[in-house]
PDB file of N, CA and C in Angstrom:
ATOM      1  N   MET A   1      24.258 -99.202 -63.857  1.00  0.00           N
ATOM      2  CA  MET A   1      23.102 -99.735 -64.490  1.00  0.00           C
ATOM      3  C   MET A   1      23.478-100.708 -65.594  1.00  0.00           C
ATOM      4  N   LYS A   2      24.513-100.332 -66.374  1.00  0.00           N
ATOM      5  CA  LYS A   2      24.948-101.219 -67.431  1.00  0.00           C
ATOM      6  C   LYS A   2      25.532-102.507 -66.847  1.00  0.00           C
ATOM      7  N   ASN A   3      26.233-102.385 -65.768  1.00  0.00           N
ATOM      8  CA  ASN A   3      26.815-103.569 -65.144  1.00  0.00           C
ATOM      9  C   ASN A   3      25.725-104.499 -64.611  1.00  0.00           C
ATOM     10  N   ARG A   4      24.730-103.905 -64.089  1.00  0.00           N
ATOM     11  CA  ARG A   4      23.622-104.700 -63.584  1.00  0.00           C
ATOM     12  C   ARG A   4      22.924-105.437 -64.734  1.00  0.00           C
ATOM     13  N   PHE A   5      22.734-104.766 -65.805  1.00  0.00           N
ATOM     14  CA  PHE A   5      22.091-105.357 -66.980  1.00  0.00           C
ATOM     15  C   PHE A   5      22.954-106.492 -67.522  1.00  0.00           C
ATOM     16  N   ARG A   6      24.249-106.278 -67.604  1.00  0.00           N
ATOM     17  CA  ARG A   6      25.164-107.317 -68.084  1.00  0.00           C
ATOM     18  C   ARG A   6      25.170-108.524 -67.138  1.00  0.00           C
ATOM     19  N   SER A   7      25.221-108.278 -65.888  1.00  0.00           N
ATOM     20  CA  SER A   7      25.226-109.390 -64.941  1.00  0.00           C
ATOM     21  C   SER A   7      23.902-110.156 -65.001  1.00  0.00           C
ATOM     22  N   LEU A   8      22.829-109.432 -65.181  1.00  0.00           N
ATOM     23  CA  LEU A   8      21.524-110.076 -65.321  1.00  0.00           C
ATOM     24  C   LEU A   8      21.475-110.909 -66.598  1.00  0.00           C
ATOM     25  N   LEU A   9      22.024-110.376 -67.686  1.00  0.00           N
ATOM     26  CA  LEU A   9      22.086-111.111 -68.946  1.00  0.00           C
ATOM     27  C   LEU A   9      22.961-112.350 -68.810  1.00  0.00           C
ATOM     28  N   LEU A  10      24.056-112.222 -68.112  1.00  0.00           N
ATOM     29  CA  LEU A  10      24.948-113.357 -67.917  1.00  0.00           C
ATOM     30  C   LEU A  10      24.270-114.470 -67.107  1.00  0.00           C
ATOM     31  N   ILE A  11      23.362-114.117 -66.285  1.00  0.00           N
ATOM     32  CA  ILE A  11      22.634-115.123 -65.499  1.00  0.00           C
ATOM     33  C   ILE A  11      21.472-115.697 -66.301  1.00  0.00           C
ATOM     34  N   ILE A  12      20.767-114.866 -66.997  1.00  0.00           N
ATOM     35  CA  ILE A  12      19.544-115.285 -67.694  1.00  0.00           C
ATOM     36  C   ILE A  12      19.868-116.090 -68.963  1.00  0.00           C
ATOM     37  N   LEU A  13      20.854-115.695 -69.737  1.00  0.00           N
ATOM     38  CA  LEU A  13      21.148-116.382 -70.996  1.00  0.00           C
ATOM     39  C   LEU A  13      21.520-117.851 -70.791  1.00  0.00           C
ATOM     40  N   PRO A  14      22.389-118.192 -69.856  1.00  0.00           N
ATOM     41  CA  PRO A  14      22.671-119.627 -69.667  1.00  0.00           C
ATOM     42  C   PRO A  14      21.437-120.406 -69.209  1.00  0.00           C
ATOM     43  N   VAL A  15      20.613-119.785 -68.387  1.00  0.00           N
ATOM     44  CA  VAL A  15      19.397-120.462 -67.930  1.00  0.00           C
ATOM     45  C   VAL A  15      18.486-120.745 -69.113  1.00  0.00           C
ATOM     46  N   ILE A  16      18.317-119.784 -69.998  1.00  0.00           N
ATOM     47  CA  ILE A  16      17.470-119.962 -71.187  1.00  0.00           C
ATOM     48  C   ILE A  16      18.064-121.029 -72.095  1.00  0.00           C
ATOM     49  N   ALA A  17      19.367-120.978 -72.304  1.00  0.00           N
ATOM     50  CA  ALA A  17      20.023-121.957 -73.168  1.00  0.00           C
ATOM     51  C   ALA A  17      19.887-123.366 -72.596  1.00  0.00           C
ATOM     52  N   LEU A  18      20.095-123.520 -71.299  1.00  0.00           N
ATOM     53  CA  LEU A  18      19.975-124.840 -70.675  1.00  0.00           C
ATOM     54  C   LEU A  18      18.539-125.342 -70.710  1.00  0.00           C
ATOM     55  N   SER A  19      17.587-124.458 -70.454  1.00  0.00           N
ATOM     56  CA  SER A  19      16.190-124.889 -70.474  1.00  0.00           C
ATOM     57  C   SER A  19      15.780-125.289 -71.884  1.00  0.00           C
ATOM     58  N   SER A  20      16.303-124.583 -72.872  1.00  0.00           N
ATOM     59  CA  SER A  20      16.011-124.934 -74.261  1.00  0.00           C
ATOM     60  C   SER A  20      16.578-126.301 -74.586  1.00  0.00           C
ATOM     61  N   CYS A  21      17.768-126.585 -74.102  1.00  0.00           N
ATOM     62  CA  CYS A  21      18.397-127.876 -74.346  1.00  0.00           C
ATOM     63  C   CYS A  21      17.605-128.993 -73.676  1.00  0.00           C
ATOM     64  N   VAL A  22      17.181-128.792 -72.448  1.00  0.00           N
ATOM     65  CA  VAL A  22      16.379-129.775 -71.735  1.00  0.00           C
ATOM     66  C   VAL A  22      15.050-129.990 -72.457  1.00  0.00           C
ATOM     67  N   TYR A  23      14.469-128.907 -72.916  1.00  0.00           N
ATOM     68  CA  TYR A  23      13.197-128.981 -73.629  1.00  0.00           C
ATOM     69  C   TYR A  23      13.360-129.813 -74.899  1.00  0.00           C
ATOM     70  N   ASP A  24      14.452-129.621 -75.653  1.00  0.00           N
ATOM     71  CA  ASP A  24      14.693-130.383 -76.871  1.00  0.00           C
ATOM     72  C   ASP A  24      14.901-131.860 -76.558  1.00  0.00           C
ATOM     73  N   LYS A  25      15.601-132.159 -75.467  1.00  0.00           N
ATOM     74  CA  LYS A  25      15.816-133.560 -75.088  1.00  0.00           C
ATOM     75  C   LYS A  25      14.489-134.224 -74.725  1.00  0.00           C
ATOM     76  N   GLU A  26      13.640-133.496 -74.021  1.00  0.00           N
ATOM     77  CA  GLU A  26      12.328-134.047 -73.665  1.00  0.00           C
ATOM     78  C   GLU A  26      11.484-134.300 -74.899  1.00  0.00           C
ATOM     79  N   LEU A  27      11.520-133.370 -75.845  1.00  0.00           N
ATOM     80  CA  LEU A  27      10.771-133.550 -77.085  1.00  0.00           C
ATOM     81  C   LEU A  27      11.300-134.752 -77.871  1.00  0.00           C
ATOM     82  N   ALA A  28      12.607-134.895 -77.930  1.00  0.00           N
ATOM     83  CA  ALA A  28      13.196-136.032 -78.642  1.00  0.00           C
ATOM     84  C   ALA A  28      12.787-137.344 -77.967  1.00  0.00           C
ATOM     85  N   TYR A  29      12.800-137.371 -76.639  1.00  0.00           N
ATOM     86  CA  TYR A  29      12.393-138.563 -75.894  1.00  0.00           C
ATOM     87  C   TYR A  29      10.923-138.896 -76.160  1.00  0.00           C
ATOM     88  N   LEU A  30      10.070-137.874 -76.084  1.00  0.00           N
ATOM     89  CA  LEU A  30       8.643-138.096 -76.351  1.00  0.00           C
ATOM     90  C   LEU A  30       8.406-138.554 -77.783  1.00  0.00           C
ATOM     91  N   ASN A  31       9.150-137.980 -78.712  1.00  0.00           N
ATOM     92  CA  ASN A  31       9.033-138.386 -80.112  1.00  0.00           C
ATOM     93  C   ASN A  31       9.420-139.860 -80.277  1.00  0.00           C
ATOM     94  N   ASP A  32      10.504-140.273 -79.627  1.00  0.00           N
ATOM     95  CA  ASP A  32      10.920-141.673 -79.673  1.00  0.00           C
ATOM     96  C   ASP A  32       9.844-142.589 -79.084  1.00  0.00           C
ATOM     97  N   GLN A  33       9.236-142.154 -77.997  1.00  0.00           N
ATOM     98  CA  GLN A  33       8.165-142.948 -77.378  1.00  0.00           C
ATOM     99  C   GLN A  33       6.970-143.087 -78.314  1.00  0.00           C
ATOM    100  N   ILE A  34       6.607-142.013 -78.981  1.00  0.00           N
ATOM    101  CA  ILE A  34       5.471-142.043 -79.915  1.00  0.00           C
ATOM    102  C   ILE A  34       5.776-142.981 -81.081  1.00  0.00           C
ATOM    103  N   ILE A  35       6.989-142.922 -81.588  1.00  0.00           N
ATOM    104  CA  ILE A  35       7.380-143.799 -82.695  1.00  0.00           C
ATOM    105  C   ILE A  35       7.308-145.261 -82.260  1.00  0.00           C
ATOM    106  N   ALA A  36       7.808-145.546 -81.060  1.00  0.00           N
ATOM    107  CA  ALA A  36       7.759-146.922 -80.546  1.00  0.00           C
ATOM    108  C   ALA A  36       6.315-147.388 -80.372  1.00  0.00           C
ATOM    109  N   LEU A  37       5.464-146.527 -79.841  1.00  0.00           N
ATOM    110  CA  LEU A  37       4.047-146.887 -79.675  1.00  0.00           C
ATOM    111  C   LEU A  37       3.370-147.109 -81.023  1.00  0.00           C
ATOM    112  N   ASN A  38       3.685-146.286 -82.001  1.00  0.00           N
ATOM    113  CA  ASN A  38       3.110-146.469 -83.337  1.00  0.00           C
ATOM    114  C   ASN A  38       3.522-147.808 -83.935  1.00  0.00           C
ATOM    115  N   ARG A  39       4.776-148.213 -83.722  1.00  0.00           N
ATOM    116  CA  ARG A  39       5.229-149.518 -84.202  1.00  0.00           C
ATOM    117  C   ARG A  39       4.447-150.643 -83.530  1.00  0.00           C
ATOM    118  N   ARG A  40       4.234-150.517 -82.227  1.00  0.00           N
ATOM    119  CA  ARG A  40       3.477-151.543 -81.497  1.00  0.00           C
ATOM    120  C   ARG A  40       2.042-151.624 -82.001  1.00  0.00           C
ATOM    121  N   VAL A  41       1.435-150.480 -82.219  1.00  0.00           N
ATOM    122  CA  VAL A  41       0.054-150.451 -82.712  1.00  0.00           C
ATOM    123  C   VAL A  41      -0.020-151.095 -84.089  1.00  0.00           C
ATOM    124  N   THR A  42       0.945-150.800 -84.947  1.00  0.00           N
ATOM    125  CA  THR A  42       0.972-151.383 -86.289  1.00  0.00           C
ATOM    126  C   THR A  42       1.101-152.901 -86.208  1.00  0.00           C
ATOM    127  N   LYS A  43       1.979-153.385 -85.318  1.00  0.00           N
ATOM    128  CA  LYS A  43       2.129-154.829 -85.147  1.00  0.00           C
ATOM    129  C   LYS A  43       0.833-155.462 -84.660  1.00  0.00           C
ATOM    130  N   LEU A  44       0.163-154.810 -83.710  1.00  0.00           N
ATOM    131  CA  LEU A  44      -1.107-155.336 -83.197  1.00  0.00           C
ATOM    132  C   LEU A  44      -2.179-155.357 -84.281  1.00  0.00           C
ATOM    133  N   GLU A  45      -2.227-154.303 -85.084  1.00  0.00           N
ATOM    134  CA  GLU A  45      -3.216-154.255 -86.163  1.00  0.00           C
ATOM    135  C   GLU A  45      -2.945-155.352 -87.187  1.00  0.00           C
ATOM    136  N   ASP A  46      -1.665-155.571 -87.509  1.00  0.00           N
ATOM    137  CA  ASP A  46      -1.320-156.641 -88.454  1.00  0.00           C
ATOM    138  C   ASP A  46      -1.689-158.008 -87.891  1.00  0.00           C
ATOM    139  N   ALA A  47      -1.411-158.208 -86.613  1.00  0.00           N
ATOM    140  CA  ALA A  47      -1.757-159.481 -85.971  1.00  0.00           C
ATOM    141  C   ALA A  47      -3.273-159.674 -85.954  1.00  0.00           C
ATOM    142  N   GLN A  48      -4.008-158.605 -85.696  1.00  0.00           N
ATOM    143  CA  GLN A  48      -5.473-158.686 -85.670  1.00  0.00           C
ATOM    144  C   GLN A  48      -6.011-159.025 -87.056  1.00  0.00           C
ATOM    145  N   THR A  49      -5.458-158.416 -88.080  1.00  0.00           N
ATOM    146  CA  THR A  49      -5.888-158.700 -89.446  1.00  0.00           C
ATOM    147  C   THR A  49      -5.616-160.159 -89.793  1.00  0.00           C
ATOM    148  N   SER A  50      -4.429-160.629 -89.422  1.00  0.00           N
ATOM    149  CA  SER A  50      -4.073-162.024 -89.685  1.00  0.00           C
ATOM    150  C   SER A  50      -5.013-162.969 -88.946  1.00  0.00           C
ATOM    151  N   MET A  51      -5.308-162.653 -87.688  1.00  0.00           N
ATOM    152  CA  MET A  51      -6.203-163.491 -86.884  1.00  0.00           C
ATOM    153  C   MET A  51      -7.620-163.480 -87.470  1.00  0.00           C
ATOM    154  N   ASP A  52      -8.089-162.317 -87.906  1.00  0.00           N
ATOM    155  CA  ASP A  52      -9.419-162.230 -88.512  1.00  0.00           C
ATOM    156  C   ASP A  52      -9.505-163.089 -89.767  1.00  0.00           C
ATOM    157  N   GLN A  53      -8.454-163.042 -90.592  1.00  0.00           N
ATOM    158  CA  GLN A  53      -8.457-163.830 -91.822  1.00  0.00           C
ATOM    159  C   GLN A  53      -8.451-165.327 -91.501  1.00  0.00           C
ATOM    160  N   LYS A  54      -7.655-165.738 -90.521  1.00  0.00           N
ATOM    161  CA  LYS A  54      -7.597-167.153 -90.145  1.00  0.00           C
ATOM    162  C   LYS A  54      -8.943-167.614 -89.601  1.00  0.00           C
ATOM    163  N   MET A  55      -9.550-166.814 -88.733  1.00  0.00           N
ATOM    164  CA  MET A  55     -10.844-167.185 -88.164  1.00  0.00           C
ATOM    165  C   MET A  55     -11.907-167.251 -89.253  1.00  0.00           C
ATOM    166  N   SER A  56     -11.839-166.353 -90.212  1.00  0.00           N
ATOM    167  CA  SER A  56     -12.802-166.355 -91.309  1.00  0.00           C
ATOM    168  C   SER A  56     -12.661-167.625 -92.144  1.00  0.00           C
ATOM    169  N   ARG A  57     -11.413-168.024 -92.427  1.00  0.00           N
ATOM    170  CA  ARG A  57     -11.192-169.260 -93.186  1.00  0.00           C
ATOM    171  C   ARG A  57     -11.692-170.474 -92.398  1.00  0.00           C
ATOM    172  N   ASP A  58     -11.379-170.517 -91.108  1.00  0.00           N
ATOM    173  CA  ASP A  58     -11.821-171.638 -90.276  1.00  0.00           C
ATOM    174  C   ASP A  58     -13.346-171.705 -90.207  1.00  0.00           C
ATOM    175  N   LEU A  59     -13.978-170.546 -90.051  1.00  0.00           N
ATOM    176  CA  LEU A  59     -15.436-170.509 -89.977  1.00  0.00           C
ATOM    177  C   LEU A  59     -16.057-170.942 -91.297  1.00  0.00           C
ATOM    178  N   ASP A  60     -15.482-170.484 -92.413  1.00  0.00           N
ATOM    179  CA  ASP A  60     -16.001-170.898 -93.716  1.00  0.00           C
ATOM    180  C   ASP A  60     -15.893-172.407 -93.904  1.00  0.00           C
ATOM    181  N   ALA A  61     -14.759-172.975 -93.495  1.00  0.00           N
ATOM    182  CA  ALA A  61     -14.580-174.424 -93.617  1.00  0.00           C
ATOM    183  C   ALA A  61     -15.583-175.164 -92.739  1.00  0.00           C
ATOM    184  N   SER A  62     -15.766-174.677 -91.524  1.00  0.00           N
ATOM    185  CA  SER A  62     -16.709-175.309 -90.602  1.00  0.00           C
ATOM    186  C   SER A  62     -18.137-175.213 -91.137  1.00  0.00           C
ATOM    187  N   LEU A  63     -18.496-174.049 -91.632  1.00  0.00           N
ATOM    188  CA  LEU A  63     -19.848-173.877 -92.179  1.00  0.00           C
ATOM    189  C   LEU A  63     -20.053-174.742 -93.411  1.00  0.00           C
ATOM    190  N   GLN A  64     -19.018-174.877 -94.225  1.00  0.00           N
ATOM    191  CA  GLN A  64     -19.141-175.710 -95.418  1.00  0.00           C
ATOM    192  C   GLN A  64     -19.408-177.163 -95.045  1.00  0.00           C
ATOM    193  N   SER A  65     -18.678-177.671 -94.048  1.00  0.00           N
ATOM    194  CA  SER A  65     -18.913-179.059 -93.634  1.00  0.00           C
ATOM    195  C   SER A  65     -20.289-179.205 -92.988  1.00  0.00           C
ATOM    196  N   THR A  66     -20.725-178.191 -92.238  1.00  0.00           N
ATOM    197  CA  THR A  66     -22.057-178.236 -91.628  1.00  0.00           C
ATOM    198  C   THR A  66     -23.140-178.205 -92.694  1.00  0.00           C
ATOM    199  N   ARG A  67     -22.965-177.351 -93.691  1.00  0.00           N
ATOM    200  CA  ARG A  67     -23.955-177.279 -94.776  1.00  0.00           C
ATOM    201  C   ARG A  67     -24.015-178.595 -95.541  1.00  0.00           C
ATOM    202  N   SER A  68     -22.860-179.200 -95.764  1.00  0.00           N
ATOM    203  CA  SER A  68     -22.818-180.477 -96.470  1.00  0.00           C
ATOM    204  C   SER A  68     -23.543-181.559 -95.671  1.00  0.00           C
ATOM    205  N   ALA A  69     -23.273-181.601 -94.370  1.00  0.00           N
ATOM    206  CA  ALA A  69     -23.946-182.586 -93.518  1.00  0.00           C
ATOM    207  C   ALA A  69     -25.447-182.331 -93.473  1.00  0.00           C
ATOM    208  N   GLN A  70     -25.833-181.062 -93.446  1.00  0.00           N
ATOM    209  CA  GLN A  70     -27.256-180.723 -93.424  1.00  0.00           C
ATOM    210  C   GLN A  70     -27.922-181.149 -94.736  1.00  0.00           C
ATOM    211  N   ALA A  71     -27.257-180.915 -95.852  1.00  0.00           N
ATOM    212  CA  ALA A  71     -27.818-181.310 -97.150  1.00  0.00           C
ATOM    213  C   ALA A  71     -27.976-182.825 -97.225  1.00  0.00           C
ATOM    214  N   ASP A  72     -26.978-183.566 -96.694  1.00  0.00           N
ATOM    215  CA  ASP A  72     -27.075-185.029 -96.675  1.00  0.00           C
ATOM    216  C   ASP A  72     -28.244-185.483 -95.804  1.00  0.00           C
ATOM    217  N   ALA A  73     -28.424-184.832 -94.651  1.00  0.00           N
ATOM    218  CA  ALA A  73     -29.519-185.198 -93.749  1.00  0.00           C
ATOM    219  C   ALA A  73     -30.878-184.920 -94.383  1.00  0.00           C
ATOM    220  N   VAL A  74     -30.977-183.779 -95.067  1.00  0.00           N
ATOM    221  CA  VAL A  74     -32.250-183.443 -95.726  1.00  0.00           C
ATOM    222  C   VAL A  74     -32.531-184.434 -96.848  1.00  0.00           C
ATOM    223  N   ALA A  75     -31.500-184.787 -97.605  1.00  0.00           N
ATOM    224  CA  ALA A  75     -31.689-185.749 -98.697  1.00  0.00           C
ATOM    225  C   ALA A  75     -32.103-187.106 -98.139  1.00  0.00           C
ATOM    226  N   ALA A  76     -31.501-187.514 -97.034  1.00  0.00           N
ATOM    227  CA  ALA A  76     -31.859-188.804 -96.430  1.00  0.00           C
ATOM    228  C   ALA A  76     -33.262-188.773 -95.849  1.00  0.00           C
ATOM    229  N   SER A  77     -33.658-187.630 -95.290  1.00  0.00           N
ATOM    230  CA  SER A  77     -34.984-187.549 -94.676  1.00  0.00           C
ATOM    231  C   SER A  77     -36.092-187.537 -95.722  1.00  0.00           C
ATOM    232  N   GLN A  78     -35.765-187.163 -96.940  1.00  0.00           N
ATOM    233  CA  GLN A  78     -36.780-187.170 -97.991  1.00  0.00           C
ATOM    234  C   GLN A  78     -37.136-188.591 -98.414  1.00  0.00           C
ATOM    235  N   ASP A  79     -36.239-189.536 -98.154  1.00  0.00           N
ATOM    236  CA  ASP A  79     -36.507-190.931 -98.491  1.00  0.00           C
ATOM    237  C   ASP A  79     -37.334-191.633 -97.423  1.00  0.00           C
ATOM    238  N   VAL A  80     -37.462-191.035 -96.248  1.00  0.00           N
ATOM    239  CA  VAL A  80     -38.186-191.647 -95.142  1.00  0.00           C
ATOM    240  C   VAL A  80     -39.683-191.462 -95.352  1.00  0.00           C
ATOM    241  N   VAL A  81     -40.423-192.550 -95.173  1.00  0.00           N
ATOM    242  CA  VAL A  81     -41.876-192.503 -95.318  1.00  0.00           C
ATOM    243  C   VAL A  81     -42.476-192.005 -94.009  1.00  0.00           C
ATOM    244  N   VAL A  82     -43.318-191.019 -94.123  1.00  0.00           N
ATOM    245  CA  VAL A  82     -43.965-190.465 -92.942  1.00  0.00           C
ATOM    246  C   VAL A  82     -45.366-191.056 -92.851  1.00  0.00           C
ATOM    247  N   GLY A  83     -45.703-191.527 -91.689  1.00  0.00           N
ATOM    248  CA  GLY A  83     -47.023-192.106 -91.490  1.00  0.00           C
ATOM    249  C   GLY A  83     -46.906-193.529 -91.010  1.00  0.00           C
ATOM    250  N   PRO A  84     -48.025-194.251 -90.967  1.00  0.00           N
ATOM    251  CA  PRO A  84     -47.990-195.627 -90.462  1.00  0.00           C
ATOM    252  C   PRO A  84     -47.262-196.535 -91.434  1.00  0.00           C
ATOM    253  N   THR A  85     -46.502-197.463 -90.899  1.00  0.00           N
ATOM    254  CA  THR A  85     -45.823-198.463 -91.724  1.00  0.00           C
ATOM    255  C   THR A  85     -46.127-199.839 -91.163  1.00  0.00           C
ATOM    256  N   LEU A  86     -46.026-200.821 -92.002  1.00  0.00           N
ATOM    257  CA  LEU A  86     -46.244-202.200 -91.589  1.00  0.00           C
ATOM    258  C   LEU A  86     -44.935-202.769 -91.048  1.00  0.00           C
ATOM    259  N   ALA A  87     -45.000-203.945 -90.457  1.00  0.00           N
ATOM    260  CA  ALA A  87     -43.822-204.563 -89.871  1.00  0.00           C
ATOM    261  C   ALA A  87     -42.740-204.818 -90.916  1.00  0.00           C
ATOM    262  N   ASP A  88     -43.150-205.083 -92.168  1.00  0.00           N
ATOM    263  CA  ASP A  88     -42.161-205.336 -93.216  1.00  0.00           C
ATOM    264  C   ASP A  88     -41.655-204.041 -93.857  1.00  0.00           C
ATOM    265  N   GLY A  89     -42.079-202.885 -93.312  1.00  0.00           N
ATOM    266  CA  GLY A  89     -41.617-201.599 -93.829  1.00  0.00           C
ATOM    267  C   GLY A  89     -42.512-201.017 -94.891  1.00  0.00           C
ATOM    268  N   GLY A  90     -43.523-201.766 -95.309  1.00  0.00           N
ATOM    269  CA  GLY A  90     -44.425-201.269 -96.326  1.00  0.00           C
ATOM    270  C   GLY A  90     -45.421-200.267 -95.754  1.00  0.00           C
ATOM    271  N   VAL A  91     -46.108-199.593 -96.631  1.00  0.00           N
ATOM    272  CA  VAL A  91     -47.096-198.597 -96.230  1.00  0.00           C
ATOM    273  C   VAL A  91     -48.485-199.222 -96.415  1.00  0.00           C
ATOM    274  N   PRO A  92     -49.316-199.181 -95.385  1.00  0.00           N
ATOM    275  CA  PRO A  92     -50.657-199.777 -95.538  1.00  0.00           C
ATOM    276  C   PRO A  92     -51.461-199.025 -96.594  1.00  0.00           C
ATOM    277  N   GLU A  93     -52.201-199.796 -97.356  1.00  0.00           N
ATOM    278  CA  GLU A  93     -52.981-199.182 -98.416  1.00  0.00           C
ATOM    279  C   GLU A  93     -54.426-198.945 -98.016  1.00  0.00           C
ATOM    280  N   VAL A  94     -54.775-199.360 -96.799  1.00  0.00           N
ATOM    281  CA  VAL A  94     -56.149-199.171 -96.332  1.00  0.00           C
ATOM    282  C   VAL A  94     -56.152-198.180 -95.186  1.00  0.00           C
ATOM    283  N   ASN A  95     -57.279-197.562 -94.982  1.00  0.00           N
ATOM    284  CA  ASN A  95     -57.443-196.624 -93.903  1.00  0.00           C
ATOM    285  C   ASN A  95     -57.782-197.410 -92.639  1.00  0.00           C
ATOM    286  N   VAL A  96     -56.897-197.358 -91.631  1.00  0.00           N
ATOM    287  CA  VAL A  96     -57.074-198.139 -90.406  1.00  0.00           C
ATOM    288  C   VAL A  96     -58.368-197.734 -89.707  1.00  0.00           C
ATOM    289  N   GLU A  97     -58.699-196.469 -89.724  1.00  0.00           N
ATOM    290  CA  GLU A  97     -59.922-196.002 -89.066  1.00  0.00           C
ATOM    291  C   GLU A  97     -61.156-196.605 -89.726  1.00  0.00           C
ATOM    292  N   GLN A  98     -61.128-196.721 -91.030  1.00  0.00           N
ATOM    293  CA  GLN A  98     -62.264-197.311 -91.725  1.00  0.00           C
ATOM    294  C   GLN A  98     -62.389-198.796 -91.408  1.00  0.00           C
ATOM    295  N   VAL A  99     -61.251-199.478 -91.318  1.00  0.00           N
ATOM    296  CA  VAL A  99     -61.272-200.913 -91.041  1.00  0.00           C
ATOM    297  C   VAL A  99     -61.778-201.181 -89.632  1.00  0.00           C
ATOM    298  N   LEU A 100     -61.275-200.442 -88.633  1.00  0.00           N
ATOM    299  CA  LEU A 100     -61.651-200.680 -87.235  1.00  0.00           C
ATOM    300  C   LEU A 100     -62.980-200.041 -86.855  1.00  0.00           C
ATOM    301  N   GLY A 101     -63.305-198.989 -87.521  1.00  0.00           N
ATOM    302  CA  GLY A 101     -64.457-198.196 -87.115  1.00  0.00           C
ATOM    303  C   GLY A 101     -63.975-197.029 -86.254  1.00  0.00           C
ATOM    304  N   GLN A 102     -64.727-195.956 -86.258  1.00  0.00           N
ATOM    305  CA  GLN A 102     -64.263-194.735 -85.590  1.00  0.00           C
ATOM    306  C   GLN A 102     -64.091-194.933 -84.089  1.00  0.00           C
ATOM    307  N   GLU A 103     -65.041-195.603 -83.440  1.00  0.00           N
ATOM    308  CA  GLU A 103     -64.977-195.763 -81.986  1.00  0.00           C
ATOM    309  C   GLU A 103     -63.777-196.626 -81.572  1.00  0.00           C
ATOM    310  N   ALA A 104     -63.580-197.744 -82.253  1.00  0.00           N
ATOM    311  CA  ALA A 104     -62.451-198.627 -81.930  1.00  0.00           C
ATOM    312  C   ALA A 104     -61.121-197.932 -82.240  1.00  0.00           C
ATOM    313  N   PHE A 105     -61.101-197.160 -83.331  1.00  0.00           N
ATOM    314  CA  PHE A 105     -59.880-196.443 -83.690  1.00  0.00           C
ATOM    315  C   PHE A 105     -59.536-195.398 -82.629  1.00  0.00           C
ATOM    316  N   GLU A 106     -60.551-194.640 -82.166  1.00  0.00           N
ATOM    317  CA  GLU A 106     -60.307-193.626 -81.136  1.00  0.00           C
ATOM    318  C   GLU A 106     -59.842-194.273 -79.841  1.00  0.00           C
ATOM    319  N   THR A 107     -60.394-195.441 -79.483  1.00  0.00           N
ATOM    320  CA  THR A 107     -59.971-196.166 -78.281  1.00  0.00           C
ATOM    321  C   THR A 107     -58.520-196.614 -78.425  1.00  0.00           C
ATOM    322  N   LEU A 108     -58.168-197.113 -79.594  1.00  0.00           N
ATOM    323  CA  LEU A 108     -56.806-197.552 -79.850  1.00  0.00           C
ATOM    324  C   LEU A 108     -55.822-196.388 -79.738  1.00  0.00           C
ATOM    325  N   VAL A 109     -56.176-195.281 -80.337  1.00  0.00           N
ATOM    326  CA  VAL A 109     -55.303-194.094 -80.292  1.00  0.00           C
ATOM    327  C   VAL A 109     -55.185-193.590 -78.856  1.00  0.00           C
ATOM    328  N   GLU A 110     -56.286-193.571 -78.129  1.00  0.00           N
ATOM    329  CA  GLU A 110     -56.276-193.123 -76.734  1.00  0.00           C
ATOM    330  C   GLU A 110     -55.378-194.022 -75.893  1.00  0.00           C
ATOM    331  N   ASP A 111     -55.470-195.331 -76.095  1.00  0.00           N
ATOM    332  CA  ASP A 111     -54.635-196.266 -75.334  1.00  0.00           C
ATOM    333  C   ASP A 111     -53.154-196.128 -75.701  1.00  0.00           C
ATOM    334  N   MET A 112     -52.876-195.802 -76.948  1.00  0.00           N
ATOM    335  CA  MET A 112     -51.476-195.673 -77.381  1.00  0.00           C
ATOM    336  C   MET A 112     -50.824-194.417 -76.810  1.00  0.00           C
ATOM    337  N   PHE A 113     -51.555-193.302 -76.829  1.00  0.00           N
ATOM    338  CA  PHE A 113     -50.940-192.035 -76.457  1.00  0.00           C
ATOM    339  C   PHE A 113     -51.247-191.597 -75.033  1.00  0.00           C
ATOM    340  N   HIS A 114     -52.276-192.157 -74.431  1.00  0.00           N
ATOM    341  CA  HIS A 114     -52.623-191.813 -73.049  1.00  0.00           C
ATOM    342  C   HIS A 114     -52.968-193.109 -72.314  1.00  0.00           C
ATOM    343  N   PRO A 115     -51.953-193.931 -72.067  1.00  0.00           N
ATOM    344  CA  PRO A 115     -52.240-195.224 -71.418  1.00  0.00           C
ATOM    345  C   PRO A 115     -52.746-195.025 -70.003  1.00  0.00           C
ATOM    346  N   ARG A 116     -53.625-195.901 -69.606  1.00  0.00           N
ATOM    347  CA  ARG A 116     -54.159-195.853 -68.225  1.00  0.00           C
ATOM    348  C   ARG A 116     -53.193-196.624 -67.330  1.00  0.00           C
ATOM    349  N   ILE A 117     -52.728-195.975 -66.302  1.00  0.00           N
ATOM    350  CA  ILE A 117     -51.759-196.621 -65.404  1.00  0.00           C
ATOM    351  C   ILE A 117     -52.415-196.971 -64.094  1.00  0.00           C
TER     352      ILE A 117
END
């Protein structure tokens, strides 16, 4: 019985020791893989942060030039006279409808905006 127990121990102990060694190697390999993946993720996050900052600067510059152009356009449009103008660019001081009469004025407007073809 003792011999059987010893022989069984001699078989089981090396198997346990070898499996433990293999298990440690696998853990070390997996740990190395996790470390490598963490480095890659960190690099990607840094690149993303850098890209976000660059895009933000570019967008701010683009918006600034657009806002400036819009302000110039609004300022220029405020100088434009809205309404009827004369050939020399002046603004008529009389009411065209009063001068022509309502019927003639309506006929003129109708012919201008809805011409008969």
